[in-house]
C-alpha atoms as a PDB file:
ATOM      1  CA  UNK A   1      26.281  15.164  -8.839  1.00  0.00           C
ATOM      2  CA  UNK A   2      23.885  15.500 -11.796  1.00  0.00           C
ATOM      3  CA  UNK A   3      24.989  12.098 -13.085  1.00  0.00           C
ATOM      4  CA  UNK A   4      24.236  10.535  -9.702  1.00  0.00           C
ATOM      5  CA  UNK A   5      20.743  12.044  -9.535  1.00  0.00           C
ATOM      6  CA  UNK A   6      19.886  10.266 -12.771  1.00  0.00           C
ATOM      7  CA  UNK A   7      20.949   6.994 -11.175  1.00  0.00           C
ATOM      8  CA  UNK A   8      18.691   7.167  -8.114  1.00  0.00           C
ATOM      9  CA  UNK A   9      16.985   3.827  -7.775  1.00  0.00           C
ATOM     10  CA  UNK A  10      19.479   2.148 -10.063  1.00  0.00           C
ATOM     11  CA  UNK A  11      22.777   2.729  -8.284  1.00  0.00           C
ATOM     12  CA  UNK A  12      21.811   4.804  -5.274  1.00  0.00           C
ATOM     13  CA  UNK A  13      24.905   3.581  -3.416  1.00  0.00           C
ATOM     14  CA  UNK A  14      26.947   6.059  -5.484  1.00  0.00           C
ATOM     15  CA  UNK A  15      25.261   9.025  -3.792  1.00  0.00           C
ATOM     16  CA  UNK A  16      27.001  10.033  -0.626  1.00  0.00           C
ATOM     17  CA  UNK A  17      25.276  11.345   2.478  1.00  0.00           C
ATOM     18  CA  UNK A  18      25.929  15.004   1.599  1.00  0.00           C
ATOM     19  CA  UNK A  19      24.391  14.627  -1.869  1.00  0.00           C
ATOM     20  CA  UNK A  20      21.447  12.746  -0.387  1.00  0.00           C
ATOM     21  CA  UNK A  21      20.776  15.620   2.027  1.00  0.00           C
ATOM     22  CA  UNK A  22      20.904  18.135  -0.840  1.00  0.00           C
ATOM     23  CA  UNK A  23      18.367  16.099  -2.818  1.00  0.00           C
ATOM     24  CA  UNK A  24      16.154  15.845   0.259  1.00  0.00           C
ATOM     25  CA  UNK A  25      16.246  19.647   0.745  1.00  0.00           C
ATOM     26  CA  UNK A  26      15.390  20.219  -2.927  1.00  0.00           C
ATOM     27  CA  UNK A  27      12.391  17.905  -2.669  1.00  0.00           C
ATOM     28  CA  UNK A  28      11.232  19.544   0.580  1.00  0.00           C
ATOM     29  CA  UNK A  29      11.564  23.036  -0.930  1.00  0.00           C
ATOM     30  CA  UNK A  30       9.556  21.987  -3.959  1.00  0.00           C
ATOM     31  CA  UNK A  31       6.921  20.424  -1.717  1.00  0.00           C
ATOM     32  CA  UNK A  32       6.584  23.654   0.281  1.00  0.00           C
ATOM     33  CA  UNK A  33       6.039  25.616  -2.915  1.00  0.00           C
ATOM     34  CA  UNK A  34       2.977  23.519  -3.763  1.00  0.00           C
ATOM     35  CA  UNK A  35      -0.556  24.087  -2.554  1.00  0.00           C
ATOM     36  CA  UNK A  36      -1.975  21.782   0.132  1.00  0.00           C
ATOM     37  CA  UNK A  37      -4.192  20.155  -2.517  1.00  0.00           C
ATOM     38  CA  UNK A  38      -1.172  19.478  -4.742  1.00  0.00           C
ATOM     39  CA  UNK A  39       0.700  17.952  -1.803  1.00  0.00           C
ATOM     40  CA  UNK A  40      -2.239  15.672  -0.998  1.00  0.00           C
ATOM     41  CA  UNK A  41      -2.538  14.604  -4.635  1.00  0.00           C
ATOM     42  CA  UNK A  42       1.198  13.871  -4.843  1.00  0.00           C
ATOM     43  CA  UNK A  43       1.025  11.763  -1.689  1.00  0.00           C
ATOM     44  CA  UNK A  44      -1.987   9.907  -3.108  1.00  0.00           C
ATOM     45  CA  UNK A  45      -0.013   9.221  -6.285  1.00  0.00           C
ATOM     46  CA  UNK A  46       2.609   7.687  -4.020  1.00  0.00           C
ATOM     47  CA  UNK A  47       0.014   5.484  -2.310  1.00  0.00           C
ATOM     48  CA  UNK A  48      -1.380   4.359  -5.679  1.00  0.00           C
ATOM     49  CA  UNK A  49       2.145   3.530  -6.804  1.00  0.00           C
ATOM     50  CA  UNK A  50       2.801   1.569  -3.598  1.00  0.00           C
ATOM     51  CA  UNK A  51      -0.477  -0.345  -4.022  1.00  0.00           C
ATOM     52  CA  UNK A  52       0.457  -1.288  -7.566  1.00  0.00           C
ATOM     53  CA  UNK A  53       4.006  -2.186  -6.617  1.00  0.00           C
ATOM     54  CA  UNK A  54       2.796  -4.356  -3.735  1.00  0.00           C
ATOM     55  CA  UNK A  55       0.407  -6.264  -5.984  1.00  0.00           C
ATOM     56  CA  UNK A  56       3.219  -6.906  -8.468  1.00  0.00           C
ATOM     57  CA  UNK A  57       5.715  -8.097  -5.845  1.00  0.00           C
ATOM     58  CA  UNK A  58       6.556 -11.691  -5.268  1.00  0.00           C
ATOM     59  CA  UNK A  59       4.200 -13.763  -3.147  1.00  0.00           C
ATOM     60  CA  UNK A  60       7.095 -14.258  -0.707  1.00  0.00           C
ATOM     61  CA  UNK A  61       7.535 -10.544   0.028  1.00  0.00           C
ATOM     62  CA  UNK A  62       6.467  -9.310   3.480  1.00  0.00           C
ATOM     63  CA  UNK A  63       2.746  -8.794   4.080  1.00  0.00           C
ATOM     64  CA  UNK A  64       1.411  -5.242   3.992  1.00  0.00           C
ATOM     65  CA  UNK A  65      -2.210  -5.262   5.082  1.00  0.00           C
ATOM     66  CA  UNK A  66      -4.810  -3.410   3.026  1.00  0.00           C
ATOM     67  CA  UNK A  67      -5.749  -1.573   6.210  1.00  0.00           C
ATOM     68  CA  UNK A  68      -2.229  -0.162   6.410  1.00  0.00           C
ATOM     69  CA  UNK A  69      -2.688   1.418   2.983  1.00  0.00           C
ATOM     70  CA  UNK A  70      -6.038   2.807   4.133  1.00  0.00           C
ATOM     71  CA  UNK A  71      -4.442   4.205   7.276  1.00  0.00           C
ATOM     72  CA  UNK A  72      -1.824   5.954   5.119  1.00  0.00           C
ATOM     73  CA  UNK A  73      -4.625   7.523   3.060  1.00  0.00           C
ATOM     74  CA  UNK A  74      -6.516   8.687   6.144  1.00  0.00           C
ATOM     75  CA  UNK A  75      -3.337  10.341   7.427  1.00  0.00           C
ATOM     76  CA  UNK A  76      -2.685  12.036   4.071  1.00  0.00           C
ATOM     77  CA  UNK A  77      -6.169  13.524   4.078  1.00  0.00           C
ATOM     78  CA  UNK A  78      -6.043  14.261   7.818  1.00  0.00           C
ATOM     79  CA  UNK A  79      -9.291  12.324   8.354  1.00  0.00           C
ATOM     80  CA  UNK A  80     -10.118  11.362  11.927  1.00  0.00           C
ATOM     81  CA  UNK A  81     -10.710   7.645  12.274  1.00  0.00           C
ATOM     82  CA  UNK A  82     -13.906   7.997  14.295  1.00  0.00           C
ATOM     83  CA  UNK A  83     -15.384  10.342  11.675  1.00  0.00           C
ATOM     84  CA  UNK A  84     -14.365   7.980   8.867  1.00  0.00           C
ATOM     85  CA  UNK A  85     -15.803   4.937  10.640  1.00  0.00           C
ATOM     86  CA  UNK A  86     -19.131   6.705  11.061  1.00  0.00           C
ATOM     87  CA  UNK A  87     -19.075   7.937   7.454  1.00  0.00           C
ATOM     88  CA  UNK A  88     -18.681   4.447   5.976  1.00  0.00           C
ATOM     89  CA  UNK A  89     -20.977   2.773   8.501  1.00  0.00           C
ATOM     90  CA  UNK A  90     -18.428   0.866  10.584  1.00  0.00           C
ATOM     91  CA  UNK A  91     -18.025   0.833  14.315  1.00  0.00           C
ATOM     92  CA  UNK A  92     -14.761   2.322  15.544  1.00  0.00           C
ATOM     93  CA  UNK A  93     -13.492  -1.041  16.873  1.00  0.00           C
ATOM     94  CA  UNK A  94     -14.176  -2.657  13.480  1.00  0.00           C
ATOM     95  CA  UNK A  95     -12.333   0.136  11.665  1.00  0.00           C
ATOM     96  CA  UNK A  96      -9.353  -0.218  14.004  1.00  0.00           C
ATOM     97  CA  UNK A  97      -9.365  -3.991  13.429  1.00  0.00           C
ATOM     98  CA  UNK A  98      -9.419  -3.356   9.681  1.00  0.00           C
ATOM     99  CA  UNK A  99      -6.531  -0.873   9.892  1.00  0.00           C
ATOM    100  CA  UNK A 100      -4.484  -3.400  11.897  1.00  0.00           C
ATOM    101  CA  UNK A 101      -5.253  -6.287   9.539  1.00  0.00           C
ATOM    102  CA  UNK A 102      -7.426  -8.201  12.015  1.00  0.00           C
ATOM    103  CA  UNK A 103     -10.478  -7.560   9.838  1.00  0.00           C
ATOM    104  CA  UNK A 104     -10.541  -7.791   6.056  1.00  0.00           C
ATOM    105  CA  UNK A 105     -11.880  -5.334   3.525  1.00  0.00           C
ATOM    106  CA  UNK A 106     -15.014  -6.862   2.040  1.00  0.00           C
ATOM    107  CA  UNK A 107     -16.905  -5.970  -1.169  1.00  0.00           C
ATOM    108  CA  UNK A 108     -19.045  -3.350   0.594  1.00  0.00           C
ATOM    109  CA  UNK A 109     -16.106  -1.541   2.165  1.00  0.00           C
ATOM    110  CA  UNK A 110     -14.014  -1.851  -1.016  1.00  0.00           C
ATOM    111  CA  UNK A 111     -16.753  -0.169  -3.061  1.00  0.00           C
ATOM    112  CA  UNK A 112     -17.050   2.676  -0.542  1.00  0.00           C
ATOM    113  CA  UNK A 113     -13.273   3.159  -0.627  1.00  0.00           C
ATOM    114  CA  UNK A 114     -13.395   3.233  -4.418  1.00  0.00           C
ATOM    115  CA  UNK A 115     -16.030   5.966  -4.399  1.00  0.00           C
ATOM    116  CA  UNK A 116     -14.283   8.043  -1.740  1.00  0.00           C
ATOM    117  CA  UNK A 117     -10.617   7.713  -2.744  1.00  0.00           C
ATOM    118  CA  UNK A 118     -10.887   6.712  -6.427  1.00  0.00           C
ATOM    119  CA  UNK A 119      -8.929   3.491  -5.941  1.00  0.00           C
ATOM    120  CA  UNK A 120     -10.673   0.545  -7.613  1.00  0.00           C
ATOM    121  CA  UNK A 121     -12.574  -1.788  -5.313  1.00  0.00           C
ATOM    122  CA  UNK A 122     -10.813  -4.674  -7.035  1.00  0.00           C
ATOM    123  CA  UNK A 123      -7.429  -3.329  -5.929  1.00  0.00           C
ATOM    124  CA  UNK A 124      -8.454  -3.539  -2.270  1.00  0.00           C
ATOM    125  CA  UNK A 125      -9.813  -7.056  -2.773  1.00  0.00           C
ATOM    126  CA  UNK A 126      -6.711  -8.169  -4.700  1.00  0.00           C
ATOM    127  CA  UNK A 127      -4.563  -7.092  -1.749  1.00  0.00           C
ATOM    128  CA  UNK A 128      -6.729  -9.125   0.625  1.00  0.00           C
ATOM    129  CA  UNK A 129      -6.537 -12.164  -1.660  1.00  0.00           C
ATOM    130  CA  UNK A 130      -2.774 -11.866  -2.113  1.00  0.00           C
ATOM    131  CA  UNK A 131      -2.300 -11.607   1.647  1.00  0.00           C
ATOM    132  CA  UNK A 132      -4.558 -14.612   2.249  1.00  0.00           C
ATOM    133  CA  UNK A 133      -2.384 -16.666  -0.136  1.00  0.00           C
ATOM    134  CA  UNK A 134       0.800 -15.426   1.529  1.00  0.00           C
ATOM    135  CA  UNK A 135      -0.516 -16.514   4.926  1.00  0.00           C
ATOM    136  CA  UNK A 136      -1.732 -19.841   3.530  1.00  0.00           C
ATOM    137  CA  UNK A 137       1.625 -20.549   1.864  1.00  0.00           C
ATOM    138  CA  UNK A 138       3.458 -19.762   5.086  1.00  0.00           C
ATOM    139  CA  UNK A 139       1.433 -22.398   6.961  1.00  0.00           C
ATOM    140  CA  UNK A 140       1.187 -25.070   4.260  1.00  0.00           C
ATOM    141  CA  UNK A 141       3.975 -26.943   2.569  1.00  0.00           C
ATOM    142  CA  UNK A 142       2.268 -28.754  -0.279  1.00  0.00           C
ATOM    143  CA  UNK A 143       4.630 -29.967  -2.969  1.00  0.00           C
ATOM    144  CA  UNK A 144       4.406 -31.604  -6.354  1.00  0.00           C
ATOM    145  CA  UNK A 145       5.023 -34.862  -4.507  1.00  0.00           C
ATOM    146  CA  UNK A 146       1.766 -34.348  -2.612  1.00  0.00           C
ATOM    147  CA  UNK A 147      -0.357 -33.393  -5.602  1.00  0.00           C
ATOM    148  CA  UNK A 148       0.380 -33.955  -9.268  1.00  0.00           C
ATOM    149  CA  UNK A 149      -1.538 -34.654 -12.415  1.00  0.00           C
ATOM    150  CA  UNK A 150       0.512 -37.816 -12.973  1.00  0.00           C
ATOM    151  CA  UNK A 151      -0.686 -39.356  -9.739  1.00  0.00           C
ATOM    152  CA  UNK A 152      -4.244 -38.282 -10.464  1.00  0.00           C
ATOM    153  CA  UNK A 153      -4.564 -39.884 -13.900  1.00  0.00           C
END
């Protein structure tokens, strides 16, 4: 089993269900031995990793709205949405629209998120820009035949 644990993420199909359950119990036991602050910090490390991974994924990968990441963070910190909306100066409906991806994180909100959660404002804005390009590419089918430097000059 020790050899298989080293292969998690590389060849996870070699771990059977029983071994997977053992690993899960080990992780849960370790998590319970940590303080609440350590658990929150570990979960935030996971969110930061997911943010970075999402930004490095292909432009054709599924869209994950910036608001979804924010919602994950609010849940990790057990922050009520109405309290958070008031704290950052948003109405509750606008916060809910942001969390659902119907409203975008702007510079003002991104800076507040940076100060509160220590995740760069640029990261939030990069996610919004990447998602805008994903949506644009899904609707538009420009090709080299449509636009090329050879036709231009």
